[in-house]
């Protein structure tokens, strides 16, 4: 799904994340995804996150790396 934000077309992506079990996990993933330039974090819950990003700038690998840096895994990978 794409959402128009200003004049950019942003891709909305739901990520399934393994290994999250508590509120600390949610905070860690939200902070890590939030540090990726040109990514807007809509929501993060145990086992999932919803983000918007410009596909022309942000690559799927950037999202995977951010989640892995927080200590978790995206499944299936985006």
PDB file of N, CA and C in Angstrom:
ATOM      1  N   UNK A   1       0.848  -1.174   0.000  1.00  0.00           N
ATOM      2  CA  UNK A   1       0.000   0.000   0.000  1.00  0.00           C
ATOM      3  C   UNK A   1       0.889   1.231   0.000  1.00  0.00           C
ATOM      4  N   UNK A   2       0.586   2.196  -0.829  1.00  0.00           N
ATOM      5  CA  UNK A   2       1.329   3.447  -0.865  1.00  0.00           C
ATOM      6  C   UNK A   2       0.451   4.569  -0.361  1.00  0.00           C
ATOM      7  N   UNK A   3       1.041   5.477   0.365  1.00  0.00           N
ATOM      8  CA  UNK A   3       0.334   6.621   0.922  1.00  0.00           C
ATOM      9  C   UNK A   3       1.038   7.867   0.431  1.00  0.00           C
ATOM     10  N   UNK A   4       0.275   8.856  -0.028  1.00  0.00           N
ATOM     11  CA  UNK A   4       0.884  10.094  -0.482  1.00  0.00           C
ATOM     12  C   UNK A   4       1.116  10.985   0.725  1.00  0.00           C
ATOM     13  N   UNK A   5       2.347  11.396   0.927  1.00  0.00           N
ATOM     14  CA  UNK A   5       2.714  12.270   2.036  1.00  0.00           C
ATOM     15  C   UNK A   5       3.413  13.464   1.405  1.00  0.00           C
ATOM     16  N   UNK A   6       2.741  14.614   1.387  1.00  0.00           N
ATOM     17  CA  UNK A   6       3.285  15.741   0.642  1.00  0.00           C
ATOM     18  C   UNK A   6       3.273  15.360  -0.821  1.00  0.00           C
ATOM     19  N   UNK A   7       4.421  15.424  -1.470  1.00  0.00           N
ATOM     20  CA  UNK A   7       4.506  15.005  -2.863  1.00  0.00           C
ATOM     21  C   UNK A   7       5.242  13.673  -3.019  1.00  0.00           C
ATOM     22  N   UNK A   8       5.683  13.109  -1.908  1.00  0.00           N
ATOM     23  CA  UNK A   8       6.358  11.818  -1.954  1.00  0.00           C
ATOM     24  C   UNK A   8       5.338  10.696  -1.816  1.00  0.00           C
ATOM     25  N   UNK A   9       5.592   9.601  -2.482  1.00  0.00           N
ATOM     26  CA  UNK A   9       4.752   8.423  -2.305  1.00  0.00           C
ATOM     27  C   UNK A   9       5.475   7.508  -1.326  1.00  0.00           C
ATOM     28  N   UNK A  10       4.840   7.297  -0.189  1.00  0.00           N
ATOM     29  CA  UNK A  10       5.438   6.503   0.876  1.00  0.00           C
ATOM     30  C   UNK A  10       4.834   5.098   0.858  1.00  0.00           C
ATOM     31  N   UNK A  11       5.683   4.093   0.985  1.00  0.00           N
ATOM     32  CA  UNK A  11       5.209   2.719   1.079  1.00  0.00           C
ATOM     33  C   UNK A  11       4.915   2.412   2.540  1.00  0.00           C
ATOM     34  N   UNK A  12       3.746   1.842   2.792  1.00  0.00           N
ATOM     35  CA  UNK A  12       3.383   1.412   4.141  1.00  0.00           C
ATOM     36  C   UNK A  12       3.659  -0.080   4.228  1.00  0.00           C
ATOM     37  N   UNK A  13       4.414  -0.487   5.238  1.00  0.00           N
ATOM     38  CA  UNK A  13       4.831  -1.879   5.367  1.00  0.00           C
ATOM     39  C   UNK A  13       4.600  -2.367   6.787  1.00  0.00           C
ATOM     40  N   UNK A  14       3.951  -3.519   6.920  1.00  0.00           N
ATOM     41  CA  UNK A  14       3.842  -4.162   8.232  1.00  0.00           C
ATOM     42  C   UNK A  14       4.948  -5.200   8.329  1.00  0.00           C
ATOM     43  N   UNK A  15       5.727  -5.117   9.380  1.00  0.00           N
ATOM     44  CA  UNK A  15       6.837  -6.032   9.594  1.00  0.00           C
ATOM     45  C   UNK A  15       6.467  -7.030  10.682  1.00  0.00           C
ATOM     46  N   UNK A  16       6.726  -8.300  10.434  1.00  0.00           N
ATOM     47  CA  UNK A  16       6.554  -9.330  11.451  1.00  0.00           C
ATOM     48  C   UNK A  16       7.924  -9.577  12.064  1.00  0.00           C
ATOM     49  N   UNK A  17       8.004  -9.436  13.383  1.00  0.00           N
ATOM     50  CA  UNK A  17       9.297  -9.478  14.063  1.00  0.00           C
ATOM     51  C   UNK A  17       9.301 -10.594  15.102  1.00  0.00           C
ATOM     52  N   UNK A  18      10.319 -11.451  15.030  1.00  0.00           N
ATOM     53  CA  UNK A  18      10.459 -12.558  15.982  1.00  0.00           C
ATOM     54  C   UNK A  18      11.353 -12.165  17.142  1.00  0.00           C
ATOM     55  N   UNK A  19      11.046 -12.705  18.310  1.00  0.00           N
ATOM     56  CA  UNK A  19      11.894 -12.540  19.476  1.00  0.00           C
ATOM     57  C   UNK A  19      11.445 -11.461  20.443  1.00  0.00           C
ATOM     58  N   UNK A  20      10.403 -10.720  20.103  1.00  0.00           N
ATOM     59  CA  UNK A  20       9.915  -9.663  20.992  1.00  0.00           C
ATOM     60  C   UNK A  20       8.987 -10.277  22.034  1.00  0.00           C
ATOM     61  N   UNK A  21       9.227  -9.946  23.317  1.00  0.00           N
ATOM     62  CA  UNK A  21       8.416 -10.542  24.376  1.00  0.00           C
ATOM     63  C   UNK A  21       7.886  -9.551  25.402  1.00  0.00           C
ATOM     64  N   UNK A  22       8.354  -8.289  25.348  1.00  0.00           N
ATOM     65  CA  UNK A  22       7.975  -7.358  26.416  1.00  0.00           C
ATOM     66  C   UNK A  22       8.029  -5.905  25.938  1.00  0.00           C
ATOM     67  N   UNK A  23       7.685  -5.010  26.825  1.00  0.00           N
ATOM     68  CA  UNK A  23       7.693  -3.587  26.514  1.00  0.00           C
ATOM     69  C   UNK A  23       9.071  -3.063  26.155  1.00  0.00           C
ATOM     70  N   UNK A  24      10.113  -3.615  26.779  1.00  0.00           N
ATOM     71  CA  UNK A  24      11.476  -3.202  26.439  1.00  0.00           C
ATOM     72  C   UNK A  24      11.782  -3.521  24.985  1.00  0.00           C
ATOM     73  N   UNK A  25      11.318  -4.668  24.514  1.00  0.00           N
ATOM     74  CA  UNK A  25      11.517  -5.063  23.116  1.00  0.00           C
ATOM     75  C   UNK A  25      10.860  -4.050  22.184  1.00  0.00           C
ATOM     76  N   UNK A  26       9.649  -3.645  22.524  1.00  0.00           N
ATOM     77  CA  UNK A  26       8.911  -2.669  21.720  1.00  0.00           C
ATOM     78  C   UNK A  26       9.697  -1.366  21.634  1.00  0.00           C
ATOM     79  N   UNK A  27      10.194  -0.892  22.763  1.00  0.00           N
ATOM     80  CA  UNK A  27      10.954   0.359  22.790  1.00  0.00           C
ATOM     81  C   UNK A  27      12.228   0.233  21.954  1.00  0.00           C
ATOM     82  N   UNK A  28      12.933  -0.884  22.088  1.00  0.00           N
ATOM     83  CA  UNK A  28      14.186  -1.084  21.356  1.00  0.00           C
ATOM     84  C   UNK A  28      13.958  -1.071  19.849  1.00  0.00           C
ATOM     85  N   UNK A  29      12.918  -1.763  19.378  1.00  0.00           N
ATOM     86  CA  UNK A  29      12.625  -1.811  17.944  1.00  0.00           C
ATOM     87  C   UNK A  29      12.172  -0.441  17.450  1.00  0.00           C
ATOM     88  N   UNK A  30      11.310   0.228  18.209  1.00  0.00           N
ATOM     89  CA  UNK A  30      10.827   1.552  17.810  1.00  0.00           C
ATOM     90  C   UNK A  30      11.986   2.534  17.677  1.00  0.00           C
ATOM     91  N   UNK A  31      12.901   2.524  18.634  1.00  0.00           N
ATOM     92  CA  UNK A  31      14.048   3.431  18.582  1.00  0.00           C
ATOM     93  C   UNK A  31      14.955   3.106  17.403  1.00  0.00           C
ATOM     94  N   UNK A  32      15.205   1.837  17.166  1.00  0.00           N
ATOM     95  CA  UNK A  32      16.100   1.441  16.087  1.00  0.00           C
ATOM     96  C   UNK A  32      15.518   1.790  14.718  1.00  0.00           C
ATOM     97  N   UNK A  33      14.240   1.481  14.501  1.00  0.00           N
ATOM     98  CA  UNK A  33      13.602   1.835  13.229  1.00  0.00           C
ATOM     99  C   UNK A  33      13.510   3.349  13.075  1.00  0.00           C
ATOM    100  N   UNK A  34      13.275   4.049  14.175  1.00  0.00           N
ATOM    101  CA  UNK A  34      13.160   5.501  14.139  1.00  0.00           C
ATOM    102  C   UNK A  34      14.451   6.207  13.779  1.00  0.00           C
ATOM    103  N   UNK A  35      15.571   5.519  13.906  1.00  0.00           N
ATOM    104  CA  UNK A  35      16.859   6.110  13.563  1.00  0.00           C
ATOM    105  C   UNK A  35      17.189   5.982  12.081  1.00  0.00           C
ATOM    106  N   UNK A  36      16.388   5.214  11.336  1.00  0.00           N
ATOM    107  CA  UNK A  36      16.628   5.063   9.900  1.00  0.00           C
ATOM    108  C   UNK A  36      16.089   6.308   9.201  1.00  0.00           C
ATOM    109  N   UNK A  37      16.951   7.034   8.479  1.00  0.00           N
ATOM    110  CA  UNK A  37      16.485   8.239   7.785  1.00  0.00           C
ATOM    111  C   UNK A  37      15.360   7.925   6.797  1.00  0.00           C
ATOM    112  N   UNK A  38      14.391   8.817   6.723  1.00  0.00           N
ATOM    113  CA  UNK A  38      13.263   8.725   5.789  1.00  0.00           C
ATOM    114  C   UNK A  38      12.298   7.595   6.110  1.00  0.00           C
ATOM    115  N   UNK A  39      12.291   7.133   7.360  1.00  0.00           N
ATOM    116  CA  UNK A  39      11.333   6.125   7.820  1.00  0.00           C
ATOM    117  C   UNK A  39      10.469   6.751   8.904  1.00  0.00           C
ATOM    118  N   UNK A  40       9.153   6.581   8.777  1.00  0.00           N
ATOM    119  CA  UNK A  40       8.208   7.007   9.801  1.00  0.00           C
ATOM    120  C   UNK A  40       7.662   5.752  10.468  1.00  0.00           C
ATOM    121  N   UNK A  41       7.825   5.658  11.767  1.00  0.00           N
ATOM    122  CA  UNK A  41       7.319   4.507  12.521  1.00  0.00           C
ATOM    123  C   UNK A  41       5.898   4.833  12.955  1.00  0.00           C
ATOM    124  N   UNK A  42       4.921   4.104  12.405  1.00  0.00           N
ATOM    125  CA  UNK A  42       3.517   4.320  12.776  1.00  0.00           C
ATOM    126  C   UNK A  42       3.194   3.668  14.110  1.00  0.00           C
ATOM    127  N   UNK A  43       3.610   2.412  14.259  1.00  0.00           N
ATOM    128  CA  UNK A  43       3.321   1.698  15.503  1.00  0.00           C
ATOM    129  C   UNK A  43       4.264   0.516  15.652  1.00  0.00           C
ATOM    130  N   UNK A  44       4.482   0.139  16.901  1.00  0.00           N
ATOM    131  CA  UNK A  44       5.273  -1.054  17.209  1.00  0.00           C
ATOM    132  C   UNK A  44       4.568  -1.761  18.356  1.00  0.00           C
ATOM    133  N   UNK A  45       4.384  -3.051  18.199  1.00  0.00           N
ATOM    134  CA  UNK A  45       3.811  -3.881  19.244  1.00  0.00           C
ATOM    135  C   UNK A  45       4.621  -5.161  19.323  1.00  0.00           C
ATOM    136  N   UNK A  46       4.327  -5.988  20.285  1.00  0.00           N
ATOM    137  CA  UNK A  46       5.063  -7.242  20.410  1.00  0.00           C
ATOM    138  C   UNK A  46       4.827  -8.082  19.158  1.00  0.00           C
ATOM    139  N   UNK A  47       5.904  -8.340  18.430  1.00  0.00           N
ATOM    140  CA  UNK A  47       5.838  -9.168  17.233  1.00  0.00           C
ATOM    141  C   UNK A  47       5.553  -8.443  15.940  1.00  0.00           C
ATOM    142  N   UNK A  48       5.367  -7.120  15.978  1.00  0.00           N
ATOM    143  CA  UNK A  48       5.085  -6.431  14.715  1.00  0.00           C
ATOM    144  C   UNK A  48       5.416  -4.947  14.805  1.00  0.00           C
ATOM    145  N   UNK A  49       5.603  -4.368  13.628  1.00  0.00           N
ATOM    146  CA  UNK A  49       5.799  -2.927  13.511  1.00  0.00           C
ATOM    147  C   UNK A  49       5.188  -2.489  12.188  1.00  0.00           C
ATOM    148  N   UNK A  50       4.687  -1.270  12.146  1.00  0.00           N
ATOM    149  CA  UNK A  50       4.163  -0.686  10.915  1.00  0.00           C
ATOM    150  C   UNK A  50       4.966   0.575  10.651  1.00  0.00           C
ATOM    151  N   UNK A  51       5.557   0.637   9.453  1.00  0.00           N
ATOM    152  CA  UNK A  51       6.377   1.784   9.077  1.00  0.00           C
ATOM    153  C   UNK A  51       5.948   2.305   7.715  1.00  0.00           C
ATOM    154  N   UNK A  52       6.305   3.553   7.452  1.00  0.00           N
ATOM    155  CA  UNK A  52       6.153   4.146   6.127  1.00  0.00           C
ATOM    156  C   UNK A  52       7.524   4.633   5.702  1.00  0.00           C
ATOM    157  N   UNK A  53       7.835   4.450   4.414  1.00  0.00           N
ATOM    158  CA  UNK A  53       9.131   4.899   3.919  1.00  0.00           C
ATOM    159  C   UNK A  53       9.078   5.125   2.417  1.00  0.00           C
ATOM    160  N   UNK A  54      10.019   5.923   1.930  1.00  0.00           N
ATOM    161  CA  UNK A  54      10.158   6.207   0.506  1.00  0.00           C
ATOM    162  C   UNK A  54      11.023   5.107  -0.103  1.00  0.00           C
ATOM    163  N   UNK A  55      10.429   4.283  -0.957  1.00  0.00           N
ATOM    164  CA  UNK A  55      11.153   3.159  -1.559  1.00  0.00           C
ATOM    165  C   UNK A  55      12.323   3.604  -2.426  1.00  0.00           C
ATOM    166  N   UNK A  56      12.294   4.849  -2.883  1.00  0.00           N
ATOM    167  CA  UNK A  56      13.389   5.347  -3.710  1.00  0.00           C
ATOM    168  C   UNK A  56      14.626   5.668  -2.880  1.00  0.00           C
ATOM    169  N   UNK A  57      14.452   5.817  -1.578  1.00  0.00           N
ATOM    170  CA  UNK A  57      15.563   6.182  -0.696  1.00  0.00           C
ATOM    171  C   UNK A  57      15.903   5.047   0.262  1.00  0.00           C
ATOM    172  N   UNK A  58      14.895   4.468   0.874  1.00  0.00           N
ATOM    173  CA  UNK A  58      15.087   3.421   1.884  1.00  0.00           C
ATOM    174  C   UNK A  58      14.934   2.057   1.222  1.00  0.00           C
ATOM    175  N   UNK A  59      15.856   1.181   1.495  1.00  0.00           N
ATOM    176  CA  UNK A  59      15.808  -0.180   0.968  1.00  0.00           C
ATOM    177  C   UNK A  59      15.340  -1.136   2.070  1.00  0.00           C
ATOM    178  N   UNK A  60      14.786  -2.256   1.664  1.00  0.00           N
ATOM    179  CA  UNK A  60      14.320  -3.257   2.626  1.00  0.00           C
ATOM    180  C   UNK A  60      15.442  -3.677   3.568  1.00  0.00           C
ATOM    181  N   UNK A  61      16.664  -3.733   3.053  1.00  0.00           N
ATOM    182  CA  UNK A  61      17.807  -4.121   3.874  1.00  0.00           C
ATOM    183  C   UNK A  61      18.019  -3.153   5.038  1.00  0.00           C
ATOM    184  N   UNK A  62      17.667  -1.873   4.838  1.00  0.00           N
ATOM    185  CA  UNK A  62      17.804  -0.880   5.909  1.00  0.00           C
ATOM    186  C   UNK A  62      16.882  -1.217   7.080  1.00  0.00           C
ATOM    187  N   UNK A  63      15.670  -1.669   6.762  1.00  0.00           N
ATOM    188  CA  UNK A  63      14.713  -2.042   7.804  1.00  0.00           C
ATOM    189  C   UNK A  63      15.161  -3.316   8.516  1.00  0.00           C
ATOM    190  N   UNK A  64      15.613  -4.288   7.727  1.00  0.00           N
ATOM    191  CA  UNK A  64      16.098  -5.546   8.301  1.00  0.00           C
ATOM    192  C   UNK A  64      17.271  -5.271   9.236  1.00  0.00           C
ATOM    193  N   UNK A  65      18.212  -4.449   8.785  1.00  0.00           N
ATOM    194  CA  UNK A  65      19.391  -4.132   9.596  1.00  0.00           C
ATOM    195  C   UNK A  65      18.994  -3.450  10.901  1.00  0.00           C
ATOM    196  N   UNK A  66      18.047  -2.521  10.835  1.00  0.00           N
ATOM    197  CA  UNK A  66      17.613  -1.805  12.042  1.00  0.00           C
ATOM    198  C   UNK A  66      17.008  -2.768  13.058  1.00  0.00           C
ATOM    199  N   UNK A  67      16.177  -3.690  12.589  1.00  0.00           N
ATOM    200  CA  UNK A  67      15.556  -4.665  13.495  1.00  0.00           C
ATOM    201  C   UNK A  67      16.621  -5.610  14.059  1.00  0.00           C
ATOM    202  N   UNK A  68      17.540  -6.047  13.211  1.00  0.00           N
ATOM    203  CA  UNK A  68      18.609  -6.936  13.677  1.00  0.00           C
ATOM    204  C   UNK A  68      19.530  -6.226  14.664  1.00  0.00           C
ATOM    205  N   UNK A  69      19.797  -4.938  14.427  1.00  0.00           N
ATOM    206  CA  UNK A  69      20.633  -4.168  15.355  1.00  0.00           C
ATOM    207  C   UNK A  69      19.992  -4.077  16.742  1.00  0.00           C
ATOM    208  N   UNK A  70      18.661  -4.119  16.780  1.00  0.00           N
ATOM    209  CA  UNK A  70      17.947  -4.091  18.059  1.00  0.00           C
ATOM    210  C   UNK A  70      17.921  -5.476  18.715  1.00  0.00           C
ATOM    211  N   UNK A  71      18.358  -6.504  17.965  1.00  0.00           N
ATOM    212  CA  UNK A  71      18.439  -7.852  18.525  1.00  0.00           C
ATOM    213  C   UNK A  71      17.312  -8.783  18.120  1.00  0.00           C
ATOM    214  N   UNK A  72      16.579  -8.449  17.059  1.00  0.00           N
ATOM    215  CA  UNK A  72      15.417  -9.234  16.651  1.00  0.00           C
ATOM    216  C   UNK A  72      15.519  -9.586  15.173  1.00  0.00           C
ATOM    217  N   UNK A  73      14.549 -10.363  14.675  1.00  0.00           N
ATOM    218  CA  UNK A  73      14.564 -10.839  13.302  1.00  0.00           C
ATOM    219  C   UNK A  73      13.233 -10.541  12.627  1.00  0.00           C
ATOM    220  N   UNK A  74      13.286 -10.070  11.380  1.00  0.00           N
ATOM    221  CA  UNK A  74      12.067  -9.887  10.587  1.00  0.00           C
ATOM    222  C   UNK A  74      11.791 -11.202   9.877  1.00  0.00           C
ATOM    223  N   UNK A  75      10.537 -11.712   9.976  1.00  0.00           N
ATOM    224  CA  UNK A  75      10.167 -12.937   9.272  1.00  0.00           C
ATOM    225  C   UNK A  75       8.795 -12.792   8.645  1.00  0.00           C
ATOM    226  N   UNK A  76       8.563 -13.157   7.396  1.00  0.00           N
ATOM    227  CA  UNK A  76       9.672 -13.335   6.465  1.00  0.00           C
ATOM    228  C   UNK A  76      10.304 -11.985   6.186  1.00  0.00           C
ATOM    229  N   UNK A  77      11.537 -12.014   5.745  1.00  0.00           N
ATOM    230  CA  UNK A  77      12.224 -10.752   5.503  1.00  0.00           C
ATOM    231  C   UNK A  77      11.501  -9.966   4.417  1.00  0.00           C
ATOM    232  N   UNK A  78      11.563  -8.631   4.546  1.00  0.00           N
ATOM    233  CA  UNK A  78      10.907  -7.736   3.577  1.00  0.00           C
ATOM    234  C   UNK A  78      11.707  -7.655   2.314  1.00  0.00           C
TER     235      UNK A  78
END
